[in-house]
Each structure stands twice: as C-alpha cells, then as structure tokens.
C-alpha cells in the first residue's frame, strides 16, 4: 500500500491513525474489562469505556506517528540509513517477540503438558 498511496498526503495522515486504532483497541481490551467490573453505575461504565477508548487510540496514534517521523525524514536523503533503520527495528521486534514466546511458553510452562498459570 505504501508504494501505491505513499505519495498522497492524506494517506500519510490516515496511516498512523489506522495503525493506532487497531493496536490501541486490540491490546487493551483486557485492562478495560478488568476496570469495568468495578464500576457499578452503567452510565459511568459507558463514559469510562469512551474515555479509555479515545485515550488508547490517541496514545497509540501518537506513538506510531513518533516512530514513523524518523523514517519519513530519512527516506529521501538517507535511503540506505532508512532501509537500515527499518531492518533494525524489524529485527528488534522479532527478537523481542521470540523472547516473550520463550518466557511465556517455556520458562512459565505455557507449552508444557499441563500448563499452569499463576497471576502475579
């Protein structure tokens, strides 16, 4: 999509918003539900969900935009650096994901024959 729409200014604005919405809502539902169980008044619960959703989406959008800014500015002048930054960030993300899988799956026993989970 970047090759097809990358030159459009509107796409550059909407892309971080879309990524922020997806990441913000996908990763924080459990936290929202935990807090929501403590709110007894339905009106306050709806207000909490609204504020939590807006805050989560905004936060993820800003973080995504902040991460994208160096790539955007280095794209034209420093093509090799831009590719290197992209490769490095991808490898760091992959390594972190594999570390989390190892910790949760093998160290904490999630992939064992009888998985056990003890909340901390």
Foldseek 3Di string as FASTA:
>chain_A
DCVVCVVPPVCLLVVLLVQQLVVLVVPCPVVLVVVLVVDDDVVVNVVSVVVSSVVSSVVSSVVSNVVCVVLVVCVPVPVVVSVVVVVVVVVVVVVVVVVVCCCVPPVQPPVPPDHDDDDD
